[in-house]
Protein backbone atom coordinates (compact mmCIF):
# COMPACT_ATOMS: atom_id res chain seq x y z
CA MET A 1 0.15 -0.02 0.00
CA LYS A 2 1.40 3.37 -1.39
CA LEU A 3 -0.17 6.60 -0.39
CA GLY A 4 1.76 9.92 -2.01
CA PHE A 5 1.23 12.98 -0.72
CA ILE A 6 0.41 16.25 -3.01
CA GLY A 7 -0.66 19.90 -2.50
CA LEU A 8 0.47 23.45 -3.40
CA THR A 9 3.97 25.01 -1.96
CA GLY A 10 3.72 26.11 1.03
CA ALA A 11 1.13 24.01 2.22
CA GLY A 12 3.57 21.72 4.43
CA LYS A 13 3.89 18.52 2.95
CA SER A 14 7.63 17.89 3.63
CA THR A 15 6.72 18.57 7.67
CA ILE A 16 3.46 16.29 7.60
CA PHE A 17 5.73 13.44 5.57
CA SER A 18 8.38 13.69 8.29
CA ALA A 19 6.02 13.76 11.27
CA VAL A 20 3.85 10.56 9.99
CA THR A 21 7.63 8.71 9.07
CA ARG A 22 9.89 10.27 11.10
CA GLN A 23 12.32 11.05 8.65
CA PHE A 24 13.90 14.27 9.18
CA GLN A 25 16.33 15.70 6.00
CA GLU A 26 18.01 19.18 5.82
CA SER A 27 15.39 22.14 4.58
CA GLY A 28 17.28 23.01 1.54
CA ASN A 29 17.43 19.28 0.35
CA VAL A 30 13.77 19.20 -1.36
CA ALA A 31 14.68 18.38 -5.07
CA GLU A 32 14.69 14.62 -4.36
CA ASN A 33 11.69 11.79 -4.03
CA ARG A 34 11.07 10.44 -0.53
CA ILE A 35 9.74 7.14 0.71
CA GLY A 36 9.00 6.32 3.83
CA THR A 37 7.97 2.74 4.71
CA ILE A 38 6.52 2.78 8.46
CA THR A 39 5.31 -0.04 10.76
CA VAL A 40 1.47 0.14 11.55
CA PRO A 41 0.89 0.14 15.23
CA ASP A 42 -1.53 -2.27 16.17
CA HIS A 43 -2.41 -2.90 19.99
CA ARG A 44 -3.71 -6.48 18.83
CA VAL A 45 -0.29 -7.54 17.86
CA ASP A 46 1.16 -6.04 21.09
CA ARG A 47 -1.13 -8.21 23.03
CA LEU A 48 -0.91 -11.56 20.78
CA SER A 49 2.97 -11.07 20.74
CA GLN A 50 2.72 -11.09 25.14
CA MET A 51 0.50 -14.15 25.20
CA TYR A 52 2.46 -16.21 22.84
CA LYS A 53 5.91 -14.84 22.97
CA PRO A 54 7.40 -15.57 19.48
CA ARG A 55 10.79 -15.47 18.13
CA LYS A 56 9.71 -12.51 15.64
CA THR A 57 6.56 -10.16 15.87
CA ILE A 58 5.85 -8.33 12.67
CA TYR A 59 3.58 -5.94 11.88
CA ALA A 60 1.86 -4.28 8.82
CA LYS A 61 3.61 -1.97 6.92
CA VAL A 62 2.55 1.23 4.54
CA GLU A 63 4.67 3.36 2.45
CA TYR A 64 4.26 6.87 1.94
CA PHE A 65 5.36 8.80 -0.69
CA LEU A 66 6.81 12.38 -1.05
CA PRO A 67 7.11 14.15 -4.54
CA GLY A 68 10.53 16.09 -4.41
CA ALA A 69 10.64 19.65 -5.87
CA GLY A 70 12.86 18.62 -8.88
CA GLY A 71 10.27 15.87 -9.88
CA SER A 72 7.35 18.36 -10.31
CA LYS A 73 9.22 20.99 -12.28
CA LYS A 74 10.60 18.30 -14.69
CA ASP A 75 6.83 17.40 -15.34
CA LYS A 76 4.14 19.83 -16.63
CA ASN A 77 1.75 18.45 -14.03
CA GLN A 78 3.14 18.13 -10.88
CA TYR A 79 0.51 15.11 -9.93
CA ASN A 80 1.67 12.69 -12.63
CA VAL A 81 4.84 11.41 -10.08
CA VAL A 82 2.20 10.01 -7.87
CA ARG A 83 -0.07 8.20 -10.43
CA ASP A 84 1.18 4.78 -8.81
CA CYS A 85 0.21 5.50 -5.85
CA ASP A 86 -3.09 4.14 -4.28
CA ALA A 87 -4.33 6.78 -2.27
CA LEU A 88 -3.35 10.57 -1.99
CA ILE A 89 -2.56 12.71 1.04
CA HIS A 90 -3.83 15.78 -0.11
CA VAL A 91 -2.21 18.29 2.18
CA LEU A 92 -4.14 22.20 2.51
CA ARG A 93 -2.54 25.02 4.51
CA ASN A 94 -4.85 26.73 7.26
CA PHE A 95 -2.31 28.60 8.87
CA LYS A 96 -0.77 32.06 8.37
CA PRO A 97 2.81 32.14 8.51
CA PHE A 98 4.70 35.54 8.59
CA GLY A 99 4.56 37.34 5.25
CA LEU A 100 2.24 35.31 3.76
CA GLU A 101 -1.39 35.87 3.27
CA GLU A 102 -4.46 34.52 4.55
CA PRO A 103 -5.27 30.78 3.95
CA LYS A 104 -8.05 29.93 1.37
CA PRO A 105 -7.53 25.76 1.85
CA PHE A 106 -11.25 25.36 0.21
CA GLU A 107 -9.94 27.53 -2.99
CA ASP A 108 -6.68 25.44 -2.99
CA LEU A 109 -8.26 21.87 -2.85
CA GLN A 110 -10.99 23.70 -5.71
CA HIS A 111 -8.01 24.10 -8.08
CA SER A 112 -6.09 21.00 -7.07
CA ASN A 113 -8.30 18.90 -7.93
CA LEU A 114 -9.21 20.97 -10.72
CA GLU A 115 -6.07 19.85 -12.12
CA MET A 116 -6.07 16.42 -11.43
CA ILE A 117 -9.32 16.41 -13.55
CA VAL A 118 -7.92 18.06 -16.42
CA ALA A 119 -4.75 15.71 -16.50
CA ASP A 120 -7.57 12.65 -16.36
CA LEU A 121 -9.71 14.32 -19.33
CA VAL A 122 -5.99 14.46 -21.27
CA VAL A 123 -6.12 10.68 -20.83
CA ALA A 124 -9.22 9.57 -21.53
CA GLU A 125 -9.22 11.91 -24.48
CA THR A 126 -6.11 10.57 -25.84
CA ARG A 127 -7.30 6.78 -25.23
CA LEU A 128 -10.48 7.49 -27.13
CA ASP A 129 -9.19 9.26 -30.09
CA ARG A 130 -6.74 6.20 -30.46
CA MET A 131 -9.56 3.72 -30.03
CA ASN A 132 -11.98 5.65 -32.25
CA LYS A 133 -8.81 6.07 -35.26
CA ASP A 134 -8.67 1.92 -34.66
CA LYS A 135 -12.31 1.38 -35.21
CA GLN A 136 -11.90 3.51 -38.42
CA ARG A 137 -9.39 1.10 -39.40
CA GLY A 138 -11.44 -1.94 -38.81
CA LYS A 139 -9.41 -2.99 -35.52
CA GLU A 140 -11.61 -4.44 -32.92
CA VAL A 141 -11.72 -2.61 -29.65
CA SER A 142 -12.70 -3.37 -26.15
CA ALA A 143 -16.33 -2.20 -25.72
CA GLU A 144 -16.23 -2.21 -21.93
CA GLU A 145 -13.49 -0.38 -22.18
CA TYR A 146 -14.67 2.17 -24.92
CA GLY A 147 -17.62 2.38 -23.05
CA LEU A 148 -16.23 3.34 -19.47
CA LEU A 149 -14.22 6.26 -20.61
CA THR A 150 -17.24 7.68 -22.35
CA GLU A 151 -18.47 7.91 -18.84
CA CYS A 152 -14.88 9.28 -17.25
CA LEU A 153 -15.31 11.66 -20.29
CA LYS A 154 -18.34 12.95 -19.04
CA LYS A 155 -18.08 13.46 -15.54
CA LEU A 156 -14.57 14.80 -16.01
CA GLU A 157 -16.23 17.24 -18.87
CA ASN A 158 -18.46 18.04 -15.79
CA GLU A 159 -15.66 18.79 -13.28
CA LEU A 160 -16.25 15.79 -11.21
CA PRO A 161 -13.73 13.55 -10.30
CA LEU A 162 -14.04 10.00 -10.94
CA ARG A 163 -13.95 8.98 -7.30
CA SER A 164 -17.44 10.48 -7.54
CA ASP A 165 -18.64 7.33 -8.85
CA ALA A 166 -17.93 4.10 -7.29
CA GLN A 167 -18.34 1.92 -10.29
CA LEU A 168 -15.71 3.83 -12.33
CA MET A 169 -13.32 3.93 -9.10
CA ALA A 170 -13.97 0.05 -8.97
CA ALA A 171 -13.35 -1.07 -12.92
CA ARG A 172 -10.75 -3.58 -13.36
CA ALA A 173 -10.60 -2.73 -17.04
CA LEU A 174 -9.35 1.07 -15.90
CA LYS A 175 -6.97 0.56 -13.69
CA GLY A 176 -4.14 0.62 -16.19
CA PHE A 177 -5.03 4.56 -16.42
CA ALA A 178 -3.79 5.16 -13.29
CA PHE A 179 -6.70 8.02 -13.14
CA MET A 180 -5.41 10.93 -10.49
CA SER A 181 -9.16 11.65 -9.81
CA ALA A 182 -10.09 8.44 -9.32
CA LYS A 183 -8.23 7.87 -6.12
CA PRO A 184 -9.36 7.94 -2.83
CA GLN A 185 -8.15 11.19 -1.35
CA LEU A 186 -7.65 11.99 2.50
CA VAL A 187 -6.96 15.73 2.77
CA LEU A 188 -5.51 17.49 5.87
CA PHE A 189 -6.15 20.80 6.63
CA ASN A 190 -2.51 21.77 7.91
CA ASN A 191 -3.70 24.30 11.17
CA GLY A 192 -1.22 26.66 13.49
CA ASP A 193 -0.17 25.31 16.60
CA GLY A 194 -3.10 25.30 19.34
CA ASP A 195 -5.70 25.05 16.34
CA GLN A 196 -7.62 21.92 16.51
CA GLN A 197 -10.67 23.28 14.63
CA MET A 198 -12.54 22.01 11.30
CA PRO A 199 -12.10 25.08 8.85
CA VAL A 200 -15.76 26.34 7.88
CA GLY A 201 -16.24 25.81 4.23
CA PRO A 202 -18.11 23.95 1.98
CA GLU A 203 -18.40 20.28 2.42
CA ILE A 204 -16.09 18.07 1.45
CA GLN A 205 -17.39 15.50 -0.68
CA TRP A 206 -15.93 11.90 -2.39
CA ALA A 207 -12.82 12.08 0.32
CA GLU A 208 -11.70 12.13 4.07
CA ALA A 209 -11.24 15.09 5.94
CA MET A 210 -9.15 15.70 9.35
CA VAL A 211 -7.08 18.42 10.96
CA ILE A 212 -3.51 18.28 11.55
CA GLN A 213 -1.50 20.64 13.76
CA GLY A 214 1.64 19.72 11.22
CA LYS A 215 4.51 22.25 12.90
CA LEU A 216 3.62 20.84 16.65
CA GLU A 217 3.15 17.05 15.32
CA TYR A 218 6.98 17.75 13.52
CA GLU A 219 8.46 18.51 16.90
CA LEU A 220 6.60 15.43 18.73
CA ALA A 221 7.87 13.13 16.52
CA GLN A 222 11.60 14.09 17.10
CA MET A 223 10.69 13.84 21.06
CA SER A 224 11.73 10.74 23.48
CA ASP A 225 8.97 8.40 24.23
CA GLU A 226 9.13 9.73 27.59
CA GLU A 227 8.99 13.21 26.25
CA MET A 228 5.95 12.47 23.73
CA LYS A 229 3.35 11.22 26.66
CA THR A 230 3.93 14.78 28.53
CA PHE A 231 3.32 16.41 25.34
CA LEU A 232 0.91 14.46 24.00
CA THR A 233 -0.87 15.53 27.97
CA GLU A 234 -0.20 18.89 28.07
CA PHE A 235 -1.81 19.69 24.38
CA ASP A 236 -4.57 17.46 25.09
CA ILE A 237 -3.52 15.16 21.71
CA THR A 238 -4.86 11.75 22.06
CA ALA A 239 -2.98 10.44 19.16
CA THR A 240 0.22 10.98 17.08
CA ALA A 241 -0.31 12.35 13.61
CA MET A 242 1.17 8.97 12.50
CA ASP A 243 -1.26 7.04 14.63
CA ARG A 244 -4.29 9.09 13.05
CA VAL A 245 -2.98 9.41 9.51
CA ILE A 246 -2.46 5.40 9.11
CA GLN A 247 -5.54 4.78 10.70
CA LYS A 248 -7.64 6.72 8.17
CA SER A 249 -5.39 5.43 5.40
CA TYR A 250 -6.28 1.85 6.38
CA GLN A 251 -10.12 3.67 6.28
CA LEU A 252 -9.63 5.29 2.89
CA LEU A 253 -8.33 2.25 1.19
CA GLY A 254 -10.73 -0.31 3.02
CA LEU A 255 -7.67 -2.16 4.52
CA ILE A 256 -8.06 -4.75 6.98
CA SER A 257 -5.92 -6.89 8.90
CA PHE A 258 -5.74 -10.50 9.99
CA PHE A 259 -3.27 -12.82 12.01
CA THR A 260 -1.23 -15.69 12.16
CA VAL A 261 0.09 -16.70 15.38
CA GLY A 262 2.51 -19.47 16.96
CA GLU A 263 5.54 -19.83 19.03
CA ASP A 264 7.94 -18.48 16.16
CA GLU A 265 5.75 -15.44 14.57
CA VAL A 266 3.09 -13.08 15.26
CA ARG A 267 2.15 -11.84 12.46
CA ALA A 268 -0.32 -8.86 10.75
CA TRP A 269 -1.19 -9.47 7.41
CA THR A 270 -2.83 -6.31 5.64
CA ILE A 271 -5.72 -7.42 2.74
CA ALA A 272 -9.12 -5.71 1.23
CA ALA A 273 -12.21 -6.00 3.32
CA GLY A 274 -14.09 -8.46 1.68
CA THR A 275 -11.35 -10.81 1.01
CA PRO A 276 -12.31 -14.76 0.81
CA ALA A 277 -9.97 -17.00 3.10
CA VAL A 278 -8.53 -18.40 -0.47
CA GLU A 279 -7.13 -15.37 -1.57
CA ALA A 280 -6.40 -14.01 2.11
CA ALA A 281 -4.11 -17.21 2.20
CA GLY A 282 -2.39 -16.37 -0.95
CA VAL A 283 -0.86 -13.13 0.87
CA ILE A 284 0.82 -15.85 2.86
CA HIS A 285 2.09 -17.62 0.25
CA THR A 286 0.90 -18.88 -3.41
CA ASP A 287 1.15 -22.60 -2.61
CA ILE A 288 -1.01 -22.02 1.22
CA GLN A 289 -3.74 -20.79 -1.81
CA LYS A 290 -3.06 -23.48 -4.26
CA GLY A 291 -3.61 -26.39 -1.83
CA PHE A 292 -5.93 -24.69 0.27
CA ILE A 293 -8.23 -27.18 2.15
CA ARG A 294 -9.55 -25.56 5.02
CA ALA A 295 -9.16 -22.18 7.28
CA GLU A 296 -9.10 -22.78 11.08
CA VAL A 297 -10.46 -19.27 12.62
CA LEU A 298 -10.66 -17.60 15.87
CA ALA A 299 -11.97 -13.88 16.55
CA TYR A 300 -9.21 -11.63 18.01
CA ASP A 301 -12.29 -10.33 20.77
CA ASP A 302 -12.98 -13.86 21.03
CA LEU A 303 -9.30 -14.81 22.16
CA MET A 304 -8.87 -12.41 24.53
CA VAL A 305 -12.28 -13.47 26.56
CA ALA A 306 -11.11 -17.02 26.36
CA GLY A 307 -7.84 -15.86 27.80
CA SER A 308 -5.94 -19.06 25.42
CA PHE A 309 -6.75 -20.55 22.48
CA ASN A 310 -7.14 -24.11 24.01
CA GLU A 311 -9.89 -22.29 26.00
CA ALA A 312 -11.69 -20.74 22.98
CA LYS A 313 -11.64 -24.33 21.22
CA LYS A 314 -13.31 -25.60 24.61
CA ALA A 315 -16.03 -22.56 24.10
CA GLY A 316 -16.27 -22.79 20.35
CA THR A 317 -15.14 -20.04 18.97
CA VAL A 318 -12.86 -21.82 16.93
CA ARG A 319 -14.07 -22.14 13.55
CA LEU A 320 -13.54 -24.15 10.69
CA GLU A 321 -14.16 -22.30 7.06
CA GLY A 322 -14.00 -23.01 3.86
CA ARG A 323 -12.44 -20.85 1.08
CA ASP A 324 -15.56 -18.64 0.47
CA TYR A 325 -15.63 -17.71 3.82
CA ILE A 326 -15.06 -13.33 3.86
CA VAL A 327 -12.11 -12.77 6.37
CA GLN A 328 -12.87 -10.08 9.20
CA ASN A 329 -10.95 -7.32 10.56
CA GLY A 330 -9.14 -9.47 13.33
CA ASP A 331 -9.24 -12.61 12.77
CA ILE A 332 -6.53 -15.01 13.87
CA ILE A 333 -6.27 -17.78 11.24
CA ASN A 334 -4.36 -20.97 10.67
CA PHE A 335 -4.88 -22.32 7.09
CA ARG A 336 -4.94 -25.72 6.64
CA PHE A 337 -3.77 -26.84 3.01
CA ASN A 338 -2.35 -29.52 0.87
CA VAL A 339 0.49 -29.36 -1.92
């Protein structure tokens, strides 16, 4: 899972990226792209590790991408560099530093969204034009792709992002185009210190939104764990930027975690909500998917109530499920397979 940071110059993208990933660099070195792969904090993994005392504990990972200033100068559209990301984190300035005008976050959001729509419009028009020429030459074209692109064009011409249509967002035939306006989007209002209020403005549609105090969180990310606890209490912050952005990132992409446990390893695995057991098995190893027999499933909460796997079995909360069982968030699974 990879999420790309976007936003206008001065919005605080680099500051928030550093706060989330705990990656810090000299302020003058902004030309290069930055990638931060971080561990997803999960109290369930902590508790399972305490219970099983494994040799290894492995948390889920998430990757964040911050385009460098040099990359955007080479490309006429600054957003093309994040086309391969699964979702976008859109940072909007909602603070007034010395010498800058009053923030206009909703205008900035509209401006950026329009740029993405225009970029997608060019892609859709170019592809449809090529398909029409192929038709005229007697070549066969995909009716499904043609129909979907025509629908995309209608939306984009009406200045609507493709994420406004769930069917277009989910269409497999469109995945290769990596449309910017189809990507799930988390809007971050970057407020000044002490300001936790959501700005007043038009309703934000087809996106998640939250407020973050970027400068404050940047300072927080550089502290020791002990200093951080004191700071969180003093400023009435219930969770760090890293924790809150990760949680929202998961919600944005519809992701859940299931767990495998044992003396060797306790591990969190990331899958999309709605994934059947046989496909979840393939996330671990393709051989497990090919030789799938059954999934032995225990819900995390049921394990906590029972206190141990054996007690959960006695209580009847350990179940055998087939290949079509839809894995639930927090399931502890042991896959039975034969290759």
